[in-house]
Amino acid sequence: MTQPIYYFTATNVNYRATADEMYEYFSHLGNILEMYMVVNNRNESRGMVILGYDKPIFSSNSYGAACM
């Protein structure tokens, strides 16, 4: 059986942010299995990162949106 992946979306990312910076920043929340960063044709961030973790990063009583 395959391991479930729990996705988390970060928006309003600075256009100068790199994938390495985003990975380093969000890795303290847990083990990142997948990471997708939306970029433009100049390879600059379009302001959104989708991260896949091996376990939920927010508690089960979380109501959705959260600020870091």
PDB file of N, CA and C in Angstrom:
ATOM      1  N   MET A   1       0.847  -1.186   0.000  1.00  0.00           N
ATOM      2  CA  MET A   1       0.000   0.000   0.000  1.00  0.00           C
ATOM      3  C   MET A   1       0.887   1.242   0.000  1.00  0.00           C
ATOM      4  N   THR A   2       0.520   2.201  -0.808  1.00  0.00           N
ATOM      5  CA  THR A   2       1.325   3.422  -0.883  1.00  0.00           C
ATOM      6  C   THR A   2       1.027   4.343   0.289  1.00  0.00           C
ATOM      7  N   GLN A   3       2.009   5.123   0.610  1.00  0.00           N
ATOM      8  CA  GLN A   3       1.912   6.070   1.726  1.00  0.00           C
ATOM      9  C   GLN A   3       1.090   7.288   1.302  1.00  0.00           C
ATOM     10  N   PRO A   4       0.145   7.741   2.133  1.00  0.00           N
ATOM     11  CA  PRO A   4      -0.624   8.942   1.769  1.00  0.00           C
ATOM     12  C   PRO A   4       0.262  10.189   1.808  1.00  0.00           C
ATOM     13  N   ILE A   5      -0.082  11.148   0.984  1.00  0.00           N
ATOM     14  CA  ILE A   5       0.635  12.420   0.956  1.00  0.00           C
ATOM     15  C   ILE A   5      -0.354  13.510   1.340  1.00  0.00           C
ATOM     16  N   TYR A   6       0.042  14.342   2.286  1.00  0.00           N
ATOM     17  CA  TYR A   6      -0.800  15.428   2.770  1.00  0.00           C
ATOM     18  C   TYR A   6      -0.295  16.737   2.176  1.00  0.00           C
ATOM     19  N   TYR A   7      -1.132  17.390   1.384  1.00  0.00           N
ATOM     20  CA  TYR A   7      -0.716  18.591   0.662  1.00  0.00           C
ATOM     21  C   TYR A   7      -1.035  19.863   1.430  1.00  0.00           C
ATOM     22  N   PHE A   8      -0.146  20.822   1.266  1.00  0.00           N
ATOM     23  CA  PHE A   8      -0.234  22.137   1.902  1.00  0.00           C
ATOM     24  C   PHE A   8       0.111  23.156   0.823  1.00  0.00           C
ATOM     25  N   THR A   9      -0.670  24.198   0.704  1.00  0.00           N
ATOM     26  CA  THR A   9      -0.423  25.236  -0.298  1.00  0.00           C
ATOM     27  C   THR A   9      -0.021  26.527   0.387  1.00  0.00           C
ATOM     28  N   ALA A  10       1.078  27.102  -0.072  1.00  0.00           N
ATOM     29  CA  ALA A  10       1.540  28.399   0.425  1.00  0.00           C
ATOM     30  C   ALA A  10       1.361  29.408  -0.703  1.00  0.00           C
ATOM     31  N   THR A  11       0.694  30.505  -0.403  1.00  0.00           N
ATOM     32  CA  THR A  11       0.466  31.539  -1.409  1.00  0.00           C
ATOM     33  C   THR A  11       1.157  32.834  -0.997  1.00  0.00           C
ATOM     34  N   ASN A  12       1.172  33.777  -1.903  1.00  0.00           N
ATOM     35  CA  ASN A  12       1.783  35.086  -1.681  1.00  0.00           C
ATOM     36  C   ASN A  12       3.290  34.978  -1.458  1.00  0.00           C
ATOM     37  N   VAL A  13       3.924  34.051  -2.170  1.00  0.00           N
ATOM     38  CA  VAL A  13       5.369  33.859  -2.095  1.00  0.00           C
ATOM     39  C   VAL A  13       6.044  34.950  -2.926  1.00  0.00           C
ATOM     40  N   ASN A  14       7.108  35.517  -2.407  1.00  0.00           N
ATOM     41  CA  ASN A  14       7.851  36.555  -3.117  1.00  0.00           C
ATOM     42  C   ASN A  14       8.375  36.020  -4.449  1.00  0.00           C
ATOM     43  N   TYR A  15       8.319  36.815  -5.507  1.00  0.00           N
ATOM     44  CA  TYR A  15       8.741  36.367  -6.826  1.00  0.00           C
ATOM     45  C   TYR A  15      10.238  36.085  -6.902  1.00  0.00           C
ATOM     46  N   ARG A  16      11.006  36.590  -5.964  1.00  0.00           N
ATOM     47  CA  ARG A  16      12.455  36.321  -5.954  1.00  0.00           C
ATOM     48  C   ARG A  16      12.824  35.070  -5.164  1.00  0.00           C
ATOM     49  N   ALA A  17      11.864  34.439  -4.540  1.00  0.00           N
ATOM     50  CA  ALA A  17      12.128  33.227  -3.756  1.00  0.00           C
ATOM     51  C   ALA A  17      12.519  32.076  -4.678  1.00  0.00           C
ATOM     52  N   THR A  18      13.474  31.282  -4.231  1.00  0.00           N
ATOM     53  CA  THR A  18      13.907  30.120  -5.012  1.00  0.00           C
ATOM     54  C   THR A  18      13.304  28.852  -4.419  1.00  0.00           C
ATOM     55  N   ALA A  19      13.313  27.793  -5.204  1.00  0.00           N
ATOM     56  CA  ALA A  19      12.798  26.511  -4.729  1.00  0.00           C
ATOM     57  C   ALA A  19      13.612  26.010  -3.537  1.00  0.00           C
ATOM     58  N   ASP A  20      14.914  26.194  -3.570  1.00  0.00           N
ATOM     59  CA  ASP A  20      15.758  25.775  -2.445  1.00  0.00           C
ATOM     60  C   ASP A  20      15.398  26.519  -1.168  1.00  0.00           C
ATOM     61  N   GLU A  21      15.138  27.818  -1.279  1.00  0.00           N
ATOM     62  CA  GLU A  21      14.747  28.611  -0.103  1.00  0.00           C
ATOM     63  C   GLU A  21      13.405  28.144   0.453  1.00  0.00           C
ATOM     64  N   MET A  22      12.466  27.857  -0.432  1.00  0.00           N
ATOM     65  CA  MET A  22      11.155  27.403   0.013  1.00  0.00           C
ATOM     66  C   MET A  22      11.252  26.028   0.674  1.00  0.00           C
ATOM     67  N   TYR A  23      12.067  25.150   0.109  1.00  0.00           N
ATOM     68  CA  TYR A  23      12.244  23.827   0.710  1.00  0.00           C
ATOM     69  C   TYR A  23      12.852  23.955   2.101  1.00  0.00           C
ATOM     70  N   GLU A  24      13.874  24.760   2.226  1.00  0.00           N
ATOM     71  CA  GLU A  24      14.520  24.949   3.525  1.00  0.00           C
ATOM     72  C   GLU A  24      13.547  25.567   4.538  1.00  0.00           C
ATOM     73  N   TYR A  25      12.784  26.555   4.097  1.00  0.00           N
ATOM     74  CA  TYR A  25      11.857  27.243   4.994  1.00  0.00           C
ATOM     75  C   TYR A  25      10.753  26.309   5.510  1.00  0.00           C
ATOM     76  N   PHE A  26      10.165  25.513   4.610  1.00  0.00           N
ATOM     77  CA  PHE A  26       9.035  24.680   4.990  1.00  0.00           C
ATOM     78  C   PHE A  26       9.430  23.306   5.519  1.00  0.00           C
ATOM     79  N   SER A  27      10.682  22.927   5.422  1.00  0.00           N
ATOM     80  CA  SER A  27      11.097  21.607   5.892  1.00  0.00           C
ATOM     81  C   SER A  27      11.033  21.482   7.411  1.00  0.00           C
ATOM     82  N   HIS A  28      11.029  22.585   8.127  1.00  0.00           N
ATOM     83  CA  HIS A  28      10.921  22.491   9.586  1.00  0.00           C
ATOM     84  C   HIS A  28       9.540  22.028  10.039  1.00  0.00           C
ATOM     85  N   LEU A  29       8.561  22.046   9.137  1.00  0.00           N
ATOM     86  CA  LEU A  29       7.213  21.587   9.478  1.00  0.00           C
ATOM     87  C   LEU A  29       7.086  20.069   9.413  1.00  0.00           C
ATOM     88  N   GLY A  30       7.983  19.423   8.694  1.00  0.00           N
ATOM     89  CA  GLY A  30       7.916  17.972   8.560  1.00  0.00           C
ATOM     90  C   GLY A  30       8.725  17.490   7.378  1.00  0.00           C
ATOM     91  N   ASN A  31       8.578  16.220   7.059  1.00  0.00           N
ATOM     92  CA  ASN A  31       9.305  15.590   5.965  1.00  0.00           C
ATOM     93  C   ASN A  31       8.580  15.864   4.639  1.00  0.00           C
ATOM     94  N   ILE A  32       9.201  16.650   3.776  1.00  0.00           N
ATOM     95  CA  ILE A  32       8.607  17.007   2.481  1.00  0.00           C
ATOM     96  C   ILE A  32       8.865  15.871   1.490  1.00  0.00           C
ATOM     97  N   LEU A  33       7.791  15.324   0.932  1.00  0.00           N
ATOM     98  CA  LEU A  33       7.892  14.260  -0.069  1.00  0.00           C
ATOM     99  C   LEU A  33       7.847  14.823  -1.483  1.00  0.00           C
ATOM    100  N   GLU A  34       7.056  15.875  -1.691  1.00  0.00           N
ATOM    101  CA  GLU A  34       6.905  16.513  -3.005  1.00  0.00           C
ATOM    102  C   GLU A  34       6.828  18.015  -2.828  1.00  0.00           C
ATOM    103  N   MET A  35       7.322  18.741  -3.827  1.00  0.00           N
ATOM    104  CA  MET A  35       7.207  20.199  -3.803  1.00  0.00           C
ATOM    105  C   MET A  35       7.067  20.704  -5.230  1.00  0.00           C
ATOM    106  N   TYR A  36       6.063  21.528  -5.440  1.00  0.00           N
ATOM    107  CA  TYR A  36       5.815  22.135  -6.750  1.00  0.00           C
ATOM    108  C   TYR A  36       5.778  23.642  -6.567  1.00  0.00           C
ATOM    109  N   MET A  37       6.549  24.346  -7.370  1.00  0.00           N
ATOM    110  CA  MET A  37       6.584  25.807  -7.307  1.00  0.00           C
ATOM    111  C   MET A  37       6.178  26.344  -8.667  1.00  0.00           C
ATOM    112  N   VAL A  38       5.158  27.163  -8.690  1.00  0.00           N
ATOM    113  CA  VAL A  38       4.677  27.747  -9.943  1.00  0.00           C
ATOM    114  C   VAL A  38       5.619  28.879 -10.327  1.00  0.00           C
ATOM    115  N   VAL A  39       6.177  28.813 -11.560  1.00  0.00           N
ATOM    116  CA  VAL A  39       7.135  29.816 -12.023  1.00  0.00           C
ATOM    117  C   VAL A  39       6.711  30.365 -13.383  1.00  0.00           C
ATOM    118  N   ASN A  40       7.251  31.543 -13.709  1.00  0.00           N
ATOM    119  CA  ASN A  40       6.973  32.138 -15.017  1.00  0.00           C
ATOM    120  C   ASN A  40       8.062  31.721 -16.011  1.00  0.00           C
ATOM    121  N   ASN A  41       8.045  32.288 -17.212  1.00  0.00           N
ATOM    122  CA  ASN A  41       9.013  31.905 -18.243  1.00  0.00           C
ATOM    123  C   ASN A  41      10.446  32.356 -17.936  1.00  0.00           C
ATOM    124  N   ARG A  42      10.627  33.223 -16.931  1.00  0.00           N
ATOM    125  CA  ARG A  42      11.972  33.624 -16.491  1.00  0.00           C
ATOM    126  C   ARG A  42      12.403  32.841 -15.257  1.00  0.00           C
ATOM    127  N   ASN A  43      11.649  31.790 -14.940  1.00  0.00           N
ATOM    128  CA  ASN A  43      11.917  30.921 -13.797  1.00  0.00           C
ATOM    129  C   ASN A  43      11.803  31.654 -12.462  1.00  0.00           C
ATOM    130  N   GLU A  44      10.948  32.690 -12.413  1.00  0.00           N
ATOM    131  CA  GLU A  44      10.674  33.421 -11.174  1.00  0.00           C
ATOM    132  C   GLU A  44       9.365  32.896 -10.597  1.00  0.00           C
ATOM    133  N   SER A  45       9.260  32.920  -9.285  1.00  0.00           N
ATOM    134  CA  SER A  45       8.062  32.437  -8.619  1.00  0.00           C
ATOM    135  C   SER A  45       6.834  33.224  -9.063  1.00  0.00           C
ATOM    136  N   ARG A  46       5.732  32.509  -9.228  1.00  0.00           N
ATOM    137  CA  ARG A  46       4.444  33.147  -9.511  1.00  0.00           C
ATOM    138  C   ARG A  46       3.634  33.318  -8.237  1.00  0.00           C
ATOM    139  N   GLY A  47       4.256  33.026  -7.086  1.00  0.00           N
ATOM    140  CA  GLY A  47       3.603  33.301  -5.818  1.00  0.00           C
ATOM    141  C   GLY A  47       2.934  32.127  -5.138  1.00  0.00           C
ATOM    142  N   MET A  48       3.173  30.890  -5.632  1.00  0.00           N
ATOM    143  CA  MET A  48       2.506  29.749  -5.022  1.00  0.00           C
ATOM    144  C   MET A  48       3.417  28.532  -4.986  1.00  0.00           C
ATOM    145  N   VAL A  49       3.395  27.842  -3.837  1.00  0.00           N
ATOM    146  CA  VAL A  49       4.149  26.598  -3.658  1.00  0.00           C
ATOM    147  C   VAL A  49       3.181  25.551  -3.113  1.00  0.00           C
ATOM    148  N   ILE A  50       3.235  24.354  -3.672  1.00  0.00           N
ATOM    149  CA  ILE A  50       2.435  23.234  -3.179  1.00  0.00           C
ATOM    150  C   ILE A  50       3.413  22.205  -2.625  1.00  0.00           C
ATOM    151  N   LEU A  51       3.219  21.851  -1.355  1.00  0.00           N
ATOM    152  CA  LEU A  51       4.118  20.921  -0.683  1.00  0.00           C
ATOM    153  C   LEU A  51       3.366  19.674  -0.262  1.00  0.00           C
ATOM    154  N   GLY A  52       3.989  18.527  -0.415  1.00  0.00           N
ATOM    155  CA  GLY A  52       3.408  17.263   0.016  1.00  0.00           C
ATOM    156  C   GLY A  52       4.210  16.695   1.172  1.00  0.00           C
ATOM    157  N   TYR A  53       3.543  16.459   2.295  1.00  0.00           N
ATOM    158  CA  TYR A  53       4.198  15.952   3.503  1.00  0.00           C
ATOM    159  C   TYR A  53       3.769  14.516   3.779  1.00  0.00           C
ATOM    160  N   ASP A  54       4.588  13.820   4.584  1.00  0.00           N
ATOM    161  CA  ASP A  54       4.284  12.435   4.929  1.00  0.00           C
ATOM    162  C   ASP A  54       3.233  12.309   6.025  1.00  0.00           C
ATOM    163  N   LYS A  55       2.957  13.390   6.755  1.00  0.00           N
ATOM    164  CA  LYS A  55       1.906  13.392   7.776  1.00  0.00           C
ATOM    165  C   LYS A  55       1.308  14.794   7.837  1.00  0.00           C
ATOM    166  N   PRO A  56       0.100  14.934   8.384  1.00  0.00           N
ATOM    167  CA  PRO A  56      -0.531  16.261   8.455  1.00  0.00           C
ATOM    168  C   PRO A  56       0.348  17.241   9.237  1.00  0.00           C
ATOM    169  N   ILE A  57       0.422  18.471   8.769  1.00  0.00           N
ATOM    170  CA  ILE A  57       1.252  19.458   9.461  1.00  0.00           C
ATOM    171  C   ILE A  57       0.444  20.325  10.406  1.00  0.00           C
ATOM    172  N   PHE A  58      -0.877  20.264  10.311  1.00  0.00           N
ATOM    173  CA  PHE A  58      -1.746  20.987  11.238  1.00  0.00           C
ATOM    174  C   PHE A  58      -2.572  19.978  12.005  1.00  0.00           C
ATOM    175  N   SER A  59      -2.980  20.326  13.189  1.00  0.00           N
ATOM    176  CA  SER A  59      -3.770  19.416  14.014  1.00  0.00           C
ATOM    177  C   SER A  59      -5.134  19.167  13.392  1.00  0.00           C
ATOM    178  N   SER A  60      -5.759  18.083  13.815  1.00  0.00           N
ATOM    179  CA  SER A  60      -7.034  17.710  13.232  1.00  0.00           C
ATOM    180  C   SER A  60      -8.151  18.706  13.554  1.00  0.00           C
ATOM    181  N   ASN A  61      -7.967  19.537  14.568  1.00  0.00           N
ATOM    182  CA  ASN A  61      -8.997  20.534  14.886  1.00  0.00           C
ATOM    183  C   ASN A  61      -8.710  21.883  14.225  1.00  0.00           C
ATOM    184  N   SER A  62      -7.758  21.905  13.289  1.00  0.00           N
ATOM    185  CA  SER A  62      -7.456  23.122  12.551  1.00  0.00           C
ATOM    186  C   SER A  62      -8.633  23.459  11.643  1.00  0.00           C
ATOM    187  N   TYR A  63      -8.944  24.741  11.521  1.00  0.00           N
ATOM    188  CA  TYR A  63     -10.070  25.164  10.703  1.00  0.00           C
ATOM    189  C   TYR A  63      -9.667  25.635   9.319  1.00  0.00           C
ATOM    190  N   GLY A  64      -8.534  25.187   8.825  1.00  0.00           N
ATOM    191  CA  GLY A  64      -8.132  25.538   7.476  1.00  0.00           C
ATOM    192  C   GLY A  64      -6.999  26.533   7.475  1.00  0.00           C
ATOM    193  N   ALA A  65      -7.264  27.747   7.049  1.00  0.00           N
ATOM    194  CA  ALA A  65      -6.219  28.741   6.858  1.00  0.00           C
ATOM    195  C   ALA A  65      -5.459  29.013   8.148  1.00  0.00           C
ATOM    196  N   ALA A  66      -4.173  29.150   7.996  1.00  0.00           N
ATOM    197  CA  ALA A  66      -3.316  29.462   9.140  1.00  0.00           C
ATOM    198  C   ALA A  66      -2.204  30.395   8.681  1.00  0.00           C
ATOM    199  N   CYS A  67      -1.693  31.170   9.554  1.00  0.00           N
ATOM    200  CA  CYS A  67      -0.588  32.081   9.248  1.00  0.00           C
ATOM    201  C   CYS A  67       0.663  31.592   9.943  1.00  0.00           C
ATOM    202  N   MET A  68       1.767  31.754   9.266  1.00  0.00           N
ATOM    203  CA  MET A  68       3.048  31.359   9.864  1.00  0.00           C
ATOM    204  C   MET A  68       3.867  32.593  10.153  1.00  0.00           C
TER     205      MET A  68
END
